């Protein structure tokens, strides 16, 4: 499936900024990019946009810092407003891209956990009411997806 060039161009702009650099990622710039993401979501189906954003994470985020940046920006642009088809696959990819979970524990237990837990709960996969101690890094389905990503990237090398 090919990605619409406009979705790709806007995706590169949305995720090509460093969330942590407050000189570049000012409140004004954030508002501008949120508006751009909202316009994209009004113009195109969410599934097409999400696939492009997912591929950006898969193909262009090569360090834990870039992955954390992607997760923070995803949360800012969408938060829990949209449901994704395969949140476990995303969770496994995020954990794979982070690598050393202990080293990046604050980010994993912060933004990464927020993104995935929200997607899983909103999609009806988990209930934090029934399982208030749920953690993505001990979820057997996410860990299975993590193993699949390890195999995928090992084949590419």
N, C-alpha and C. Protein backbone atom coordinates (compact mmCIF):
# COMPACT_ATOMS: atom_id res chain seq x y z
N UNK A 1 0.84 -1.18 0.00
CA UNK A 1 0.00 0.00 0.00
C UNK A 1 0.88 1.24 0.00
N UNK A 2 0.64 2.13 -0.95
CA UNK A 2 1.44 3.35 -0.99
C UNK A 2 0.81 4.41 -0.11
N UNK A 3 1.67 5.25 0.39
CA UNK A 3 1.23 6.31 1.30
C UNK A 3 1.04 7.59 0.50
N UNK A 4 -0.06 8.27 0.76
CA UNK A 4 -0.34 9.54 0.11
C UNK A 4 0.83 10.50 0.37
N UNK A 5 1.35 11.15 -0.69
CA UNK A 5 2.51 12.04 -0.52
C UNK A 5 2.27 13.18 0.48
N UNK A 6 1.05 13.68 0.53
CA UNK A 6 0.77 14.77 1.48
C UNK A 6 0.85 14.26 2.92
N UNK A 7 0.30 13.06 3.16
CA UNK A 7 0.39 12.48 4.51
C UNK A 7 1.86 12.31 4.89
N UNK A 8 2.67 11.81 3.95
CA UNK A 8 4.09 11.60 4.23
C UNK A 8 4.82 12.91 4.51
N UNK A 9 4.54 13.93 3.72
CA UNK A 9 5.20 15.23 3.90
C UNK A 9 4.83 15.84 5.26
N UNK A 10 3.55 15.80 5.59
CA UNK A 10 3.11 16.36 6.87
C UNK A 10 3.66 15.53 8.03
N UNK A 11 3.69 14.22 7.88
CA UNK A 11 4.25 13.35 8.92
C UNK A 11 5.71 13.71 9.18
N UNK A 12 6.48 13.89 8.12
CA UNK A 12 7.89 14.26 8.29
C UNK A 12 8.03 15.58 9.04
N UNK A 13 7.14 16.52 8.76
CA UNK A 13 7.18 17.80 9.46
C UNK A 13 6.77 17.63 10.93
N UNK A 14 5.72 16.86 11.17
CA UNK A 14 5.22 16.67 12.53
C UNK A 14 6.23 15.97 13.43
N UNK A 15 6.88 14.95 12.91
CA UNK A 15 7.77 14.14 13.75
C UNK A 15 9.25 14.48 13.57
N UNK A 16 9.54 15.40 12.67
CA UNK A 16 10.93 15.79 12.44
C UNK A 16 11.42 16.89 13.36
N UNK A 17 10.67 17.20 14.37
CA UNK A 17 11.05 18.26 15.32
C UNK A 17 11.41 17.62 16.66
N UNK A 18 12.36 18.23 17.34
CA UNK A 18 12.79 17.71 18.64
C UNK A 18 11.90 18.29 19.74
N UNK A 19 11.08 17.44 20.28
CA UNK A 19 10.14 17.82 21.35
C UNK A 19 10.87 18.42 22.56
N UNK A 20 12.06 17.94 22.85
CA UNK A 20 12.79 18.38 24.04
C UNK A 20 13.46 19.74 23.88
N UNK A 21 13.65 20.19 22.65
CA UNK A 21 14.31 21.47 22.41
C UNK A 21 13.27 22.58 22.45
N UNK A 22 13.14 23.20 23.61
CA UNK A 22 12.09 24.20 23.82
C UNK A 22 12.39 25.52 23.09
N UNK A 23 13.61 25.66 22.55
CA UNK A 23 13.92 26.82 21.71
C UNK A 23 13.24 26.67 20.36
N UNK A 24 13.19 25.43 19.87
CA UNK A 24 12.55 25.14 18.59
C UNK A 24 11.08 24.77 18.79
N UNK A 25 10.82 23.90 19.75
CA UNK A 25 9.47 23.42 20.01
C UNK A 25 8.82 24.33 21.05
N UNK A 26 8.52 25.54 20.61
CA UNK A 26 7.89 26.54 21.48
C UNK A 26 6.39 26.25 21.58
N UNK A 27 5.72 26.96 22.47
CA UNK A 27 4.27 26.81 22.58
C UNK A 27 3.59 27.16 21.25
N UNK A 28 4.10 28.19 20.59
CA UNK A 28 3.53 28.60 19.31
C UNK A 28 3.73 27.52 18.25
N UNK A 29 4.94 26.95 18.20
CA UNK A 29 5.23 25.89 17.23
C UNK A 29 4.38 24.66 17.54
N UNK A 30 4.22 24.35 18.80
CA UNK A 30 3.38 23.22 19.20
C UNK A 30 1.95 23.42 18.71
N UNK A 31 1.40 24.60 18.94
CA UNK A 31 0.04 24.90 18.49
C UNK A 31 -0.08 24.77 16.97
N UNK A 32 0.93 25.25 16.26
CA UNK A 32 0.95 25.18 14.80
C UNK A 32 0.94 23.72 14.33
N UNK A 33 1.75 22.90 14.97
CA UNK A 33 1.85 21.49 14.57
C UNK A 33 0.59 20.71 14.96
N UNK A 34 0.01 21.02 16.11
CA UNK A 34 -1.25 20.37 16.50
C UNK A 34 -2.33 20.72 15.48
N UNK A 35 -2.39 21.98 15.07
CA UNK A 35 -3.36 22.37 14.04
C UNK A 35 -3.12 21.62 12.74
N UNK A 36 -1.85 21.46 12.37
CA UNK A 36 -1.50 20.73 11.15
C UNK A 36 -1.93 19.27 11.25
N UNK A 37 -1.70 18.66 12.41
CA UNK A 37 -2.12 17.27 12.62
C UNK A 37 -3.65 17.16 12.57
N UNK A 38 -4.33 18.13 13.16
CA UNK A 38 -5.81 18.12 13.13
C UNK A 38 -6.33 18.26 11.70
N UNK A 39 -5.70 19.14 10.92
CA UNK A 39 -6.09 19.32 9.53
C UNK A 39 -5.89 18.02 8.74
N UNK A 40 -4.80 17.35 8.99
CA UNK A 40 -4.52 16.08 8.33
C UNK A 40 -5.59 15.05 8.66
N UNK A 41 -5.97 15.00 9.94
CA UNK A 41 -6.98 14.05 10.39
C UNK A 41 -8.36 14.38 9.83
N UNK A 42 -8.61 15.64 9.52
CA UNK A 42 -9.88 16.03 8.90
C UNK A 42 -9.91 15.65 7.42
N UNK A 43 -8.74 15.65 6.78
CA UNK A 43 -8.67 15.43 5.34
C UNK A 43 -8.54 13.96 4.94
N UNK A 44 -7.90 13.16 5.78
CA UNK A 44 -7.59 11.78 5.41
C UNK A 44 -8.10 10.81 6.48
N UNK A 45 -8.33 9.56 6.09
CA UNK A 45 -8.73 8.55 7.09
C UNK A 45 -7.62 8.33 8.12
N UNK A 46 -8.04 8.17 9.37
CA UNK A 46 -7.08 7.96 10.46
C UNK A 46 -6.17 6.77 10.19
N UNK A 47 -6.72 5.69 9.67
CA UNK A 47 -5.91 4.49 9.42
C UNK A 47 -4.73 4.81 8.49
N UNK A 48 -4.95 5.62 7.45
CA UNK A 48 -3.87 5.98 6.53
C UNK A 48 -2.81 6.83 7.24
N UNK A 49 -3.27 7.75 8.05
CA UNK A 49 -2.35 8.62 8.80
C UNK A 49 -1.56 7.79 9.80
N UNK A 50 -2.26 6.96 10.55
CA UNK A 50 -1.59 6.14 11.56
C UNK A 50 -0.54 5.23 10.92
N UNK A 51 -0.87 4.61 9.79
CA UNK A 51 0.09 3.75 9.12
C UNK A 51 1.36 4.52 8.75
N UNK A 52 1.20 5.74 8.31
CA UNK A 52 2.36 6.57 7.98
C UNK A 52 3.15 6.92 9.24
N UNK A 53 2.45 7.28 10.30
CA UNK A 53 3.13 7.62 11.55
C UNK A 53 3.84 6.41 12.13
N UNK A 54 3.19 5.25 12.04
CA UNK A 54 3.80 4.01 12.52
C UNK A 54 5.06 3.70 11.71
N UNK A 55 4.98 3.85 10.39
CA UNK A 55 6.15 3.60 9.54
C UNK A 55 7.27 4.59 9.83
N UNK A 56 6.91 5.82 10.18
CA UNK A 56 7.94 6.79 10.57
C UNK A 56 8.70 6.27 11.79
N UNK A 57 7.95 5.81 12.78
CA UNK A 57 8.58 5.24 13.97
C UNK A 57 9.44 4.04 13.60
N UNK A 58 8.90 3.15 12.80
CA UNK A 58 9.59 1.90 12.44
C UNK A 58 10.86 2.17 11.63
N UNK A 59 10.80 3.12 10.71
CA UNK A 59 11.90 3.31 9.76
C UNK A 59 12.85 4.46 10.09
N UNK A 60 12.37 5.46 10.82
CA UNK A 60 13.20 6.65 11.00
C UNK A 60 13.64 6.91 12.44
N UNK A 61 13.04 6.25 13.39
CA UNK A 61 13.45 6.43 14.79
C UNK A 61 14.46 5.33 15.11
N UNK A 62 15.72 5.71 15.16
CA UNK A 62 16.79 4.73 15.31
C UNK A 62 17.47 4.74 16.66
N UNK A 63 17.05 5.62 17.54
CA UNK A 63 17.64 5.69 18.87
C UNK A 63 16.51 5.73 19.90
N UNK A 64 16.82 5.40 21.14
CA UNK A 64 15.79 5.53 22.19
C UNK A 64 15.26 6.97 22.29
N UNK A 65 16.15 7.94 22.12
CA UNK A 65 15.74 9.35 22.23
C UNK A 65 14.76 9.72 21.11
N UNK A 66 15.02 9.24 19.89
CA UNK A 66 14.10 9.52 18.79
C UNK A 66 12.76 8.83 19.01
N UNK A 67 12.79 7.66 19.61
CA UNK A 67 11.56 6.92 19.90
C UNK A 67 10.75 7.63 20.97
N UNK A 68 11.41 8.10 21.99
CA UNK A 68 10.74 8.86 23.06
C UNK A 68 10.17 10.15 22.50
N UNK A 69 10.93 10.78 21.62
CA UNK A 69 10.46 11.99 20.96
C UNK A 69 9.17 11.70 20.17
N UNK A 70 9.18 10.60 19.40
CA UNK A 70 8.00 10.20 18.62
C UNK A 70 6.80 10.00 19.54
N UNK A 71 6.99 9.30 20.64
CA UNK A 71 5.88 9.03 21.56
C UNK A 71 5.32 10.31 22.16
N UNK A 72 6.19 11.22 22.55
CA UNK A 72 5.73 12.50 23.10
C UNK A 72 4.93 13.28 22.05
N UNK A 73 5.44 13.32 20.83
CA UNK A 73 4.74 14.05 19.78
C UNK A 73 3.42 13.37 19.42
N UNK A 74 3.42 12.05 19.36
CA UNK A 74 2.17 11.32 19.09
C UNK A 74 1.12 11.71 20.14
N UNK A 75 1.52 11.73 21.38
CA UNK A 75 0.59 12.06 22.47
C UNK A 75 0.05 13.48 22.31
N UNK A 76 0.93 14.40 21.94
CA UNK A 76 0.51 15.80 21.76
C UNK A 76 -0.47 15.92 20.58
N UNK A 77 -0.18 15.23 19.49
CA UNK A 77 -0.99 15.37 18.28
C UNK A 77 -2.31 14.61 18.36
N UNK A 78 -2.33 13.46 19.02
CA UNK A 78 -3.52 12.62 19.01
C UNK A 78 -4.01 12.28 20.40
N UNK A 79 -3.07 12.01 21.32
CA UNK A 79 -3.48 11.59 22.65
C UNK A 79 -4.30 10.34 22.56
N UNK A 80 -5.46 10.38 23.16
CA UNK A 80 -6.32 9.19 23.15
C UNK A 80 -7.53 9.40 22.24
N UNK A 81 -7.42 10.34 21.31
CA UNK A 81 -8.57 10.65 20.46
C UNK A 81 -8.84 9.62 19.38
N UNK A 82 -7.86 8.80 19.06
CA UNK A 82 -8.02 7.82 17.99
C UNK A 82 -7.68 6.42 18.51
N UNK A 83 -8.32 5.43 17.93
CA UNK A 83 -8.05 4.03 18.26
C UNK A 83 -7.21 3.44 17.13
N UNK A 84 -6.28 2.58 17.46
CA UNK A 84 -5.45 1.93 16.45
C UNK A 84 -5.79 0.44 16.41
N UNK A 85 -5.56 -0.16 15.24
CA UNK A 85 -5.92 -1.57 15.04
C UNK A 85 -5.04 -2.53 15.82
N UNK A 86 -3.77 -2.23 15.92
CA UNK A 86 -2.83 -3.18 16.54
C UNK A 86 -1.97 -2.49 17.62
N UNK A 87 -2.58 -2.13 18.74
CA UNK A 87 -1.80 -1.44 19.76
C UNK A 87 -0.69 -2.29 20.36
N UNK A 88 -0.88 -3.61 20.39
CA UNK A 88 0.18 -4.48 20.92
C UNK A 88 1.41 -4.45 20.03
N UNK A 89 1.17 -4.40 18.74
CA UNK A 89 2.28 -4.31 17.78
C UNK A 89 3.07 -3.01 18.01
N UNK A 90 2.35 -1.92 18.22
CA UNK A 90 2.99 -0.64 18.50
C UNK A 90 3.75 -0.71 19.82
N UNK A 91 3.15 -1.32 20.84
CA UNK A 91 3.82 -1.45 22.13
C UNK A 91 5.11 -2.23 22.03
N UNK A 92 5.08 -3.33 21.28
CA UNK A 92 6.29 -4.12 21.09
C UNK A 92 7.36 -3.34 20.35
N UNK A 93 6.95 -2.58 19.34
CA UNK A 93 7.91 -1.77 18.58
C UNK A 93 8.52 -0.68 19.45
N UNK A 94 7.70 -0.01 20.24
CA UNK A 94 8.23 1.04 21.12
C UNK A 94 9.24 0.47 22.11
N UNK A 95 8.92 -0.67 22.70
CA UNK A 95 9.87 -1.28 23.64
C UNK A 95 11.13 -1.73 22.92
N UNK A 96 11.00 -2.26 21.72
CA UNK A 96 12.19 -2.65 20.95
C UNK A 96 13.07 -1.44 20.68
N UNK A 97 12.45 -0.36 20.23
CA UNK A 97 13.21 0.85 19.87
C UNK A 97 13.86 1.49 21.10
N UNK A 98 13.25 1.34 22.27
CA UNK A 98 13.84 1.87 23.50
C UNK A 98 15.07 1.05 23.87
N UNK A 99 14.96 -0.26 23.73
CA UNK A 99 16.09 -1.13 24.04
C UNK A 99 16.24 -1.38 25.53
N UNK A 100 17.06 -0.60 26.17
CA UNK A 100 17.37 -0.77 27.59
C UNK A 100 16.27 -0.12 28.43
N UNK A 101 15.28 -0.92 28.80
CA UNK A 101 14.12 -0.41 29.54
C UNK A 101 14.54 0.19 30.88
N UNK A 102 15.51 -0.42 31.54
CA UNK A 102 15.95 0.09 32.84
C UNK A 102 16.59 1.46 32.70
N UNK A 103 17.40 1.66 31.67
CA UNK A 103 18.08 2.95 31.47
C UNK A 103 17.06 4.06 31.19
N UNK A 104 16.00 3.73 30.46
CA UNK A 104 15.00 4.71 30.08
C UNK A 104 13.70 4.50 30.85
N UNK A 105 13.82 4.01 32.06
CA UNK A 105 12.65 3.62 32.85
C UNK A 105 11.64 4.75 33.00
N UNK A 106 12.13 5.96 33.28
CA UNK A 106 11.20 7.08 33.47
C UNK A 106 10.36 7.32 32.23
N UNK A 107 10.99 7.23 31.06
CA UNK A 107 10.26 7.44 29.82
C UNK A 107 9.33 6.27 29.52
N UNK A 108 9.81 5.05 29.78
CA UNK A 108 8.97 3.88 29.54
C UNK A 108 7.77 3.90 30.47
N UNK A 109 7.99 4.22 31.74
CA UNK A 109 6.88 4.23 32.68
C UNK A 109 6.07 5.53 32.57
N UNK A 110 6.55 6.47 31.79
CA UNK A 110 5.85 7.73 31.60
C UNK A 110 5.10 7.75 30.27
N UNK A 111 5.72 8.38 29.28
CA UNK A 111 5.02 8.60 28.01
C UNK A 111 4.74 7.31 27.25
N UNK A 112 5.67 6.37 27.22
CA UNK A 112 5.45 5.13 26.47
C UNK A 112 4.28 4.36 27.09
N UNK A 113 4.33 4.23 28.40
CA UNK A 113 3.24 3.53 29.11
C UNK A 113 1.91 4.24 28.88
N UNK A 114 1.91 5.57 28.91
CA UNK A 114 0.67 6.34 28.72
C UNK A 114 0.08 6.09 27.34
N UNK A 115 0.92 6.17 26.32
CA UNK A 115 0.42 5.98 24.96
C UNK A 115 -0.17 4.58 24.81
N UNK A 116 0.59 3.56 25.16
CA UNK A 116 0.14 2.19 24.92
C UNK A 116 -1.03 1.81 25.83
N UNK A 117 -0.94 2.14 27.08
CA UNK A 117 -2.03 1.80 28.01
C UNK A 117 -3.33 2.46 27.57
N UNK A 118 -3.26 3.70 27.15
CA UNK A 118 -4.46 4.40 26.69
C UNK A 118 -5.03 3.74 25.44
N UNK A 119 -4.15 3.40 24.49
CA UNK A 119 -4.63 2.74 23.28
C UNK A 119 -5.26 1.39 23.59
N UNK A 120 -4.64 0.64 24.48
CA UNK A 120 -5.18 -0.67 24.85
C UNK A 120 -6.51 -0.55 25.58
N UNK A 121 -6.57 0.39 26.50
CA UNK A 121 -7.82 0.56 27.26
C UNK A 121 -8.94 1.10 26.38
N UNK A 122 -8.64 2.11 25.57
CA UNK A 122 -9.67 2.68 24.69
C UNK A 122 -10.14 1.67 23.65
N UNK A 123 -9.24 0.77 23.25
CA UNK A 123 -9.61 -0.26 22.28
C UNK A 123 -10.31 -1.45 22.89
N UNK A 124 -10.44 -1.46 24.22
CA UNK A 124 -11.12 -2.55 24.90
C UNK A 124 -10.26 -3.78 25.16
N UNK A 125 -8.95 -3.65 25.02
CA UNK A 125 -8.05 -4.78 25.23
C UNK A 125 -7.73 -5.03 26.70
N UNK A 126 -7.69 -3.95 27.48
CA UNK A 126 -7.40 -4.06 28.91
C UNK A 126 -8.35 -3.15 29.68
N UNK A 127 -8.40 -3.36 30.99
CA UNK A 127 -9.16 -2.49 31.86
C UNK A 127 -8.29 -2.17 33.08
N UNK A 128 -7.96 -0.90 33.24
CA UNK A 128 -7.17 -0.51 34.41
C UNK A 128 -7.99 -0.57 35.69
N UNK A 129 -9.30 -0.63 35.55
CA UNK A 129 -10.15 -0.82 36.73
C UNK A 129 -9.98 -2.26 37.23
N UNK A 130 -10.00 -3.21 36.30
CA UNK A 130 -9.84 -4.62 36.66
C UNK A 130 -8.39 -4.97 36.98
N UNK A 131 -7.47 -4.31 36.32
CA UNK A 131 -6.04 -4.59 36.51
C UNK A 131 -5.28 -3.28 36.71
N UNK A 132 -5.39 -2.68 37.90
CA UNK A 132 -4.76 -1.37 38.14
C UNK A 132 -3.24 -1.41 38.13
N UNK A 133 -2.65 -2.60 38.19
CA UNK A 133 -1.19 -2.71 38.19
C UNK A 133 -0.64 -3.11 36.84
N UNK A 134 -1.46 -2.99 35.80
CA UNK A 134 -1.02 -3.35 34.45
C UNK A 134 0.24 -2.57 34.09
N UNK A 135 1.19 -3.24 33.46
CA UNK A 135 2.41 -2.59 32.97
C UNK A 135 2.77 -3.19 31.62
N UNK A 136 3.08 -2.32 30.66
CA UNK A 136 3.35 -2.82 29.31
C UNK A 136 4.58 -3.71 29.26
N UNK A 137 5.57 -3.45 30.12
CA UNK A 137 6.81 -4.23 30.04
C UNK A 137 6.70 -5.61 30.68
N UNK A 138 5.50 -5.95 31.16
CA UNK A 138 5.28 -7.32 31.65
C UNK A 138 4.06 -7.97 30.98
N UNK A 139 3.50 -7.30 29.99
CA UNK A 139 2.35 -7.84 29.25
C UNK A 139 2.86 -8.91 28.28
N UNK A 140 2.39 -10.15 28.41
CA UNK A 140 2.92 -11.22 27.56
C UNK A 140 2.67 -10.99 26.06
N UNK A 141 1.59 -10.33 25.71
CA UNK A 141 1.32 -10.08 24.29
C UNK A 141 2.30 -9.04 23.76
N UNK A 142 2.54 -7.98 24.52
CA UNK A 142 3.51 -6.97 24.09
C UNK A 142 4.91 -7.58 24.04
N UNK A 143 5.24 -8.40 25.02
CA UNK A 143 6.56 -9.04 25.01
C UNK A 143 6.71 -9.98 23.81
N UNK A 144 5.63 -10.63 23.41
CA UNK A 144 5.66 -11.47 22.21
C UNK A 144 5.89 -10.60 20.97
N UNK A 145 5.22 -9.46 20.93
CA UNK A 145 5.43 -8.53 19.81
C UNK A 145 6.87 -7.99 19.81
N UNK A 146 7.40 -7.73 20.98
CA UNK A 146 8.79 -7.29 21.10
C UNK A 146 9.73 -8.31 20.46
N UNK A 147 9.49 -9.59 20.74
CA UNK A 147 10.33 -10.65 20.16
C UNK A 147 10.21 -10.68 18.64
N UNK A 148 9.00 -10.44 18.12
CA UNK A 148 8.81 -10.39 16.67
C UNK A 148 9.61 -9.25 16.06
N UNK A 149 9.64 -8.11 16.76
CA UNK A 149 10.41 -6.96 16.24
C UNK A 149 11.90 -7.26 16.30
N UNK A 150 12.35 -7.94 17.31
CA UNK A 150 13.77 -8.31 17.37
C UNK A 150 14.14 -9.16 16.15
N UNK A 151 13.30 -10.14 15.83
CA UNK A 151 13.55 -10.99 14.66
C UNK A 151 13.50 -10.19 13.37
N UNK A 152 12.54 -9.29 13.26
CA UNK A 152 12.40 -8.45 12.07
C UNK A 152 13.66 -7.62 11.83
N UNK A 153 14.13 -6.95 12.85
CA UNK A 153 15.30 -6.08 12.69
C UNK A 153 16.60 -6.89 12.55
N UNK A 154 16.66 -8.06 13.16
CA UNK A 154 17.85 -8.90 12.99
C UNK A 154 17.96 -9.41 11.55
N UNK A 155 16.83 -9.66 10.90
CA UNK A 155 16.84 -10.09 9.49
C UNK A 155 17.30 -8.96 8.57
N UNK A 156 17.01 -7.72 8.96
CA UNK A 156 17.38 -6.57 8.13
C UNK A 156 18.87 -6.29 8.15
N UNK A 157 19.54 -6.73 9.22
CA UNK A 157 20.97 -6.40 9.36
C UNK A 157 21.85 -7.26 8.52
